Amino acid sequence: MKFYIFSILFICSQMAWGQVNTIQPTIIVIPHTFTGQDIRQTIEGENGFNIRTALSRIKESFDVRGFTTYDFISTVKRMETDNLFNAQAQKSFKEDIAKNSGADIYIDVELVVDRSEPNGTELKLILEAFETATGRSLVNKIAASGRFHTNDINKLVLIAIDKIKDEFMNTLQMKFTDIINNGRSIKIEFVLAQGSKVNFDMEVGKDGDLLNEVIMDFMAANAFKNQYRKSVSTSKIIVYEDVRIPIKKDNGQNYAIEEFGRTLRKFLTTLHLNPLLEYPRGQINVTLK
């Protein structure tokens, strides 16, 4: 049994905050590597031809639907020239490529080749889309080519892609349209530094409001379309599990999680607090010193 795994990264353009004008994701198809594998060896080694052909076939399927696509090899060469990419760094290469390309969505595409005599060869195609900024799963679909007596893996790739591509693209478009209309979901966690004299039940400001109350007011005023949900609230920790932020600014540029964090940091400093903000994937961690 042989395995091939690929990833697709999406970059969405020509979209406004609250409504969709035209959704035209740009796509890059990327071969995934197992632990210890080098990306160059993956695309240039024994199975390199099949992998490169599969990349081309997947890319072509999106081209036919009017998506703009990027070439994987050209992108990697550019990143290597700029010292932005290490082909042997397995842990986050997808995220690195997504970050440097400005991708909004990446899609893992796994191809599993199962040879079983005398029944023939079958290829399974597994697609799962993730939002790059948060790592949240958006869509996952599975399709199988069926068994054929052939060694033409490319033919089986095409059969499987044809079975799944329309449903996958339509569902992904629907999910991403929902993100555009209702905002990107992030997690925000407020904690106290060791030895901090602050607590979330203390009064702040001139109106006698508690710190947890003014944080709630901030969320109401700044969350996208007033959408936020608190899951934990004590004197020592507050967690907002689902805070919506826009995916685009009014001028059409991307709205980064850090921009919401900057607004939050400035607000907390007006209360004479000393916040430290960190940005794990898909969230903001706020530590009050």
Protein backbone atom coordinates (compact mmCIF):
# COMPACT_ATOMS: atom_id res chain seq x y z
CA MET A 1 0.00 0.00 0.00
CA LYS A 2 1.31 3.44 -0.89
CA PHE A 3 0.27 6.77 0.46
CA TYR A 4 0.41 10.24 -1.06
CA ILE A 5 -0.76 13.29 0.85
CA PHE A 6 -1.26 16.76 -0.52
CA SER A 7 -2.39 20.11 0.76
CA ILE A 8 -4.22 22.96 -0.89
CA LEU A 9 -4.04 26.49 0.40
CA PHE A 10 -6.71 29.03 -0.37
CA ILE A 11 -6.37 32.78 -0.54
CA CYS A 12 -9.69 34.59 -0.89
CA SER A 13 -9.91 37.92 -2.67
CA GLN A 14 -12.47 40.47 -3.80
CA MET A 15 -14.62 40.09 -0.67
CA ALA A 16 -16.16 42.67 1.62
CA TRP A 17 -16.76 42.36 5.36
CA GLY A 18 -20.50 42.01 5.54
CA GLN A 19 -21.43 40.81 2.09
CA VAL A 20 -19.90 38.84 -0.74
CA ASN A 21 -19.29 40.51 -4.08
CA THR A 22 -17.16 37.89 -5.82
CA ILE A 23 -15.43 34.94 -4.19
CA GLN A 24 -12.35 34.00 -6.16
CA PRO A 25 -10.02 31.95 -3.97
CA THR A 26 -6.49 31.52 -5.27
CA ILE A 27 -5.08 28.05 -4.69
CA ILE A 28 -1.73 26.41 -4.19
CA VAL A 29 -1.39 22.61 -4.16
CA ILE A 30 1.34 21.32 -1.85
CA PRO A 31 2.68 17.78 -1.28
CA HIS A 32 2.71 16.78 2.38
CA THR A 33 5.59 14.77 3.80
CA PHE A 34 5.71 12.17 6.53
CA THR A 35 8.14 12.47 9.42
CA GLY A 36 11.70 12.30 8.14
CA GLN A 37 10.78 12.99 4.52
CA ASP A 38 12.12 15.94 2.61
CA ILE A 39 9.74 17.84 0.33
CA ARG A 40 12.29 17.92 -2.49
CA GLN A 41 12.79 14.17 -2.27
CA THR A 42 9.01 13.69 -2.26
CA ILE A 43 8.48 15.47 -5.57
CA GLU A 44 11.77 14.40 -7.20
CA GLY A 45 12.10 10.84 -5.89
CA GLU A 46 10.82 7.48 -7.10
CA ASN A 47 7.16 8.49 -6.96
CA GLY A 48 7.82 12.09 -7.92
CA PHE A 49 6.19 11.83 -11.33
CA ASN A 50 2.92 10.52 -9.92
CA ILE A 51 2.91 13.16 -7.21
CA ARG A 52 3.67 16.03 -9.61
CA THR A 53 1.01 14.77 -12.00
CA ALA A 54 -1.52 14.51 -9.18
CA LEU A 55 -0.68 18.07 -8.11
CA SER A 56 -1.27 19.20 -11.66
CA ARG A 57 -4.57 17.33 -11.93
CA ILE A 58 -5.92 18.79 -8.70
CA LYS A 59 -4.78 22.26 -9.73
CA GLU A 60 -6.47 21.82 -13.12
CA SER A 61 -9.76 20.84 -11.47
CA PHE A 62 -9.85 24.16 -9.65
CA ASP A 63 -8.75 26.06 -12.76
CA VAL A 64 -11.76 24.71 -14.63
CA ARG A 65 -14.05 26.18 -11.97
CA GLY A 66 -12.47 29.61 -12.43
CA PHE A 67 -10.20 29.60 -9.39
CA THR A 68 -6.81 31.29 -9.65
CA THR A 69 -4.00 28.88 -8.79
CA TYR A 70 -0.34 29.22 -7.79
CA ASP A 71 2.45 26.85 -8.77
CA PHE A 72 3.87 24.97 -5.81
CA ILE A 73 7.45 24.54 -7.05
CA SER A 74 7.76 28.20 -8.06
CA THR A 75 6.42 29.28 -4.66
CA VAL A 76 8.88 27.07 -2.75
CA LYS A 77 11.80 28.32 -4.86
CA ARG A 78 10.84 31.91 -4.13
CA MET A 79 10.57 31.25 -0.40
CA GLU A 80 13.90 29.42 -0.37
CA THR A 81 15.54 32.30 -2.23
CA ASP A 82 14.17 34.67 0.42
CA ASN A 83 15.27 32.27 3.20
CA LEU A 84 11.63 31.89 4.25
CA PHE A 85 11.33 28.13 3.89
CA ASN A 86 13.27 25.10 5.08
CA ALA A 87 12.36 22.01 3.07
CA GLN A 88 13.36 19.75 5.99
CA ALA A 89 11.20 21.54 8.58
CA GLN A 90 8.19 19.23 8.72
CA LYS A 91 6.23 20.68 11.63
CA SER A 92 4.80 23.86 10.14
CA PHE A 93 5.69 24.04 6.47
CA LYS A 94 2.02 24.22 5.44
CA GLU A 95 1.42 27.06 7.87
CA ASP A 96 4.62 28.80 6.71
CA ILE A 97 3.53 28.64 3.09
CA ALA A 98 0.02 29.78 4.00
CA LYS A 99 1.34 32.67 6.07
CA ASN A 100 3.75 33.88 3.42
CA SER A 101 1.20 33.51 0.63
CA GLY A 102 -1.54 35.24 2.63
CA ALA A 103 -3.72 32.13 2.45
CA ASP A 104 -7.06 32.17 4.22
CA ILE A 105 -7.74 28.44 3.89
CA TYR A 106 -5.59 25.37 3.44
CA ILE A 107 -6.83 21.96 2.45
CA ASP A 108 -5.20 18.64 3.24
CA VAL A 109 -5.65 16.25 0.35
CA GLU A 110 -4.71 12.67 1.10
CA LEU A 111 -4.39 10.05 -1.64
CA VAL A 112 -4.28 6.43 -0.49
CA VAL A 113 -3.38 3.85 -3.12
CA ASP A 114 -4.54 0.31 -2.30
CA ARG A 115 -3.28 -2.49 -4.55
CA SER A 116 -5.05 -5.80 -3.91
CA GLU A 117 -4.71 -8.73 -6.26
CA PRO A 118 -6.74 -10.06 -7.93
CA ASN A 119 -9.25 -7.31 -7.23
CA GLY A 120 -7.23 -4.46 -8.72
CA THR A 121 -6.13 -1.03 -7.53
CA GLU A 122 -8.24 1.58 -5.75
CA LEU A 123 -7.43 5.17 -4.86
CA LYS A 124 -9.11 7.01 -1.98
CA LEU A 125 -9.16 10.79 -1.96
CA ILE A 126 -9.62 12.54 1.40
CA LEU A 127 -10.09 16.32 1.43
CA GLU A 128 -10.28 18.48 4.55
CA ALA A 129 -10.31 22.28 4.53
CA PHE A 130 -8.99 24.35 7.42
CA GLU A 131 -9.03 28.07 8.05
CA THR A 132 -5.37 29.04 8.12
CA ALA A 133 -5.66 31.73 10.77
CA THR A 134 -7.46 29.57 13.32
CA GLY A 135 -6.90 25.96 12.28
CA ARG A 136 -10.65 25.34 12.44
CA SER A 137 -11.91 22.58 10.16
CA LEU A 138 -14.41 23.78 7.56
CA VAL A 139 -15.09 20.86 5.21
CA ASN A 140 -14.07 17.22 4.88
CA LYS A 141 -15.01 14.83 2.11
CA ILE A 142 -13.94 11.34 1.04
CA ALA A 143 -14.17 9.72 -2.40
CA ALA A 144 -12.92 6.44 -3.86
CA SER A 145 -12.08 5.71 -7.47
CA GLY A 146 -13.34 2.13 -7.33
CA ARG A 147 -11.10 -0.82 -8.20
CA PHE A 148 -9.48 -1.15 -11.62
CA HIS A 149 -6.85 -3.45 -13.04
CA THR A 150 -4.42 -0.68 -13.85
CA ASN A 151 -1.13 0.85 -12.74
CA ASP A 152 -2.20 4.25 -14.02
CA ILE A 153 -2.50 6.11 -10.70
CA ASN A 154 -3.14 9.37 -12.50
CA LYS A 155 -6.28 7.90 -14.08
CA LEU A 156 -7.56 6.87 -10.64
CA VAL A 157 -6.78 10.32 -9.25
CA LEU A 158 -8.93 11.86 -11.97
CA ILE A 159 -11.82 9.49 -11.29
CA ALA A 160 -11.78 10.23 -7.56
CA ILE A 161 -11.46 13.98 -8.09
CA ASP A 162 -14.40 13.99 -10.48
CA LYS A 163 -16.56 12.29 -7.84
CA ILE A 164 -15.82 14.78 -5.09
CA LYS A 165 -14.76 18.13 -6.54
CA ASP A 166 -18.14 19.81 -7.13
CA GLU A 167 -19.63 18.92 -3.76
CA PHE A 168 -16.40 19.87 -1.96
CA MET A 169 -16.04 23.22 -3.71
CA ASN A 170 -19.69 24.13 -3.21
CA THR A 171 -19.62 23.26 0.49
CA LEU A 172 -16.36 25.10 1.01
CA GLN A 173 -17.69 28.18 -0.72
CA MET A 174 -20.80 28.08 1.47
CA LYS A 175 -18.72 27.75 4.65
CA PHE A 176 -16.35 30.54 3.69
CA THR A 177 -19.23 32.79 2.70
CA ASP A 178 -20.58 32.25 6.20
CA ILE A 179 -17.24 33.36 7.66
CA ILE A 180 -17.32 36.50 5.53
CA ASN A 181 -20.88 37.31 6.56
CA ASN A 182 -20.62 36.36 10.24
CA GLY A 183 -16.95 36.85 11.02
CA ARG A 184 -13.97 34.67 11.89
CA SER A 185 -14.20 32.87 15.23
CA ILE A 186 -11.29 33.25 17.66
CA LYS A 187 -10.72 32.40 21.31
CA ILE A 188 -9.61 35.05 23.82
CA GLU A 189 -8.31 34.05 27.24
CA PHE A 190 -7.59 36.49 30.08
CA VAL A 191 -5.36 35.32 32.95
CA LEU A 192 -3.41 36.93 35.79
CA ALA A 193 0.36 36.92 36.00
CA GLN A 194 1.89 35.37 39.09
CA GLY A 195 1.89 37.94 41.88
CA SER A 196 -0.50 40.24 40.03
CA LYS A 197 -2.51 42.60 42.24
CA VAL A 198 -5.28 42.64 39.64
CA ASN A 199 -8.37 40.45 39.68
CA PHE A 200 -11.41 40.39 37.43
CA ASP A 201 -13.84 41.26 40.20
CA MET A 202 -12.10 44.53 41.07
CA GLU A 203 -13.63 47.90 40.25
CA VAL A 204 -12.02 49.84 37.39
CA GLY A 205 -12.70 53.21 35.79
CA LYS A 206 -14.89 55.97 37.14
CA ASP A 207 -18.29 54.25 36.96
CA GLY A 208 -17.70 51.51 39.53
CA ASP A 209 -17.83 48.71 36.95
CA LEU A 210 -15.95 45.48 37.57
CA LEU A 211 -13.10 44.53 35.27
CA ASN A 212 -14.99 41.52 33.91
CA GLU A 213 -17.93 43.81 33.13
CA VAL A 214 -15.90 46.36 31.17
CA ILE A 215 -14.25 43.53 29.24
CA MET A 216 -17.74 42.29 28.38
CA ASP A 217 -18.68 45.81 27.24
CA PHE A 218 -15.56 45.88 25.05
CA MET A 219 -16.59 42.61 23.40
CA ALA A 220 -20.09 43.90 22.76
CA ALA A 221 -18.72 47.04 21.14
CA ASN A 222 -15.93 45.46 19.09
CA ALA A 223 -16.89 41.88 18.20
CA PHE A 224 -18.07 41.54 14.62
CA LYS A 225 -21.85 42.09 14.54
CA ASN A 226 -21.85 41.87 18.35
CA GLN A 227 -21.18 38.13 18.24
CA TYR A 228 -19.24 36.76 21.23
CA ARG A 229 -19.66 33.95 23.76
CA LYS A 230 -18.10 33.66 27.22
CA SER A 231 -17.42 30.15 28.55
CA VAL A 232 -15.47 30.79 31.80
CA SER A 233 -15.56 33.73 34.21
CA THR A 234 -13.95 33.80 37.67
CA SER A 235 -11.95 36.32 39.64
CA LYS A 236 -8.75 34.81 38.18
CA ILE A 237 -9.59 33.81 34.60
CA ILE A 238 -11.99 34.78 31.84
CA VAL A 239 -12.38 32.81 28.62
CA TYR A 240 -14.33 33.93 25.56
CA GLU A 241 -14.60 30.74 23.53
CA ASP A 242 -16.09 32.33 20.41
CA VAL A 243 -15.40 35.97 19.52
CA ARG A 244 -16.13 36.94 15.93
CA ILE A 245 -13.83 39.34 14.12
CA PRO A 246 -14.04 40.55 10.50
CA ILE A 247 -12.01 38.80 7.84
CA LYS A 248 -11.59 42.00 5.81
CA LYS A 249 -11.24 45.69 6.59
CA ASP A 250 -13.34 48.38 4.94
CA ASN A 251 -10.57 48.96 2.36
CA GLY A 252 -10.58 45.28 1.38
CA GLN A 253 -7.31 44.41 3.10
CA ASN A 254 -7.03 41.38 5.36
CA TYR A 255 -8.00 41.94 9.00
CA ALA A 256 -5.41 40.20 11.16
CA ILE A 257 -6.13 38.75 14.59
CA GLU A 258 -3.33 40.98 15.86
CA GLU A 259 -5.32 44.05 14.84
CA PHE A 260 -8.15 43.08 17.15
CA GLY A 261 -5.52 42.39 19.79
CA ARG A 262 -4.03 45.85 19.36
CA THR A 263 -7.43 47.45 19.91
CA LEU A 264 -7.93 45.29 23.02
CA ARG A 265 -4.46 46.13 24.38
CA LYS A 266 -5.00 49.86 23.98
CA PHE A 267 -8.36 49.58 25.73
CA LEU A 268 -6.84 47.76 28.71
CA THR A 269 -4.07 50.32 29.07
CA THR A 270 -6.70 53.08 29.39
CA LEU A 271 -7.76 51.25 32.57
CA HIS A 272 -4.17 51.59 33.87
CA LEU A 273 -3.55 47.87 33.38
CA ASN A 274 -0.37 46.32 32.04
CA PRO A 275 -1.41 43.61 29.53
CA LEU A 276 0.85 41.14 27.75
CA LEU A 277 -0.70 39.70 24.60
CA GLU A 278 0.35 36.50 22.85
CA TYR A 279 -1.11 34.99 19.70
CA PRO A 280 -1.25 31.19 19.61
CA ARG A 281 -2.95 29.97 16.47
CA GLY A 282 -6.52 31.15 16.32
CA GLN A 283 -6.58 32.90 19.66
CA ILE A 284 -5.37 35.77 21.84
CA ASN A 285 -3.93 35.15 25.29
CA VAL A 286 -3.99 38.19 27.56
CA THR A 287 -1.91 38.17 30.74
CA LEU A 288 -2.43 41.01 33.18
CA LYS A 289 0.69 41.80 35.19
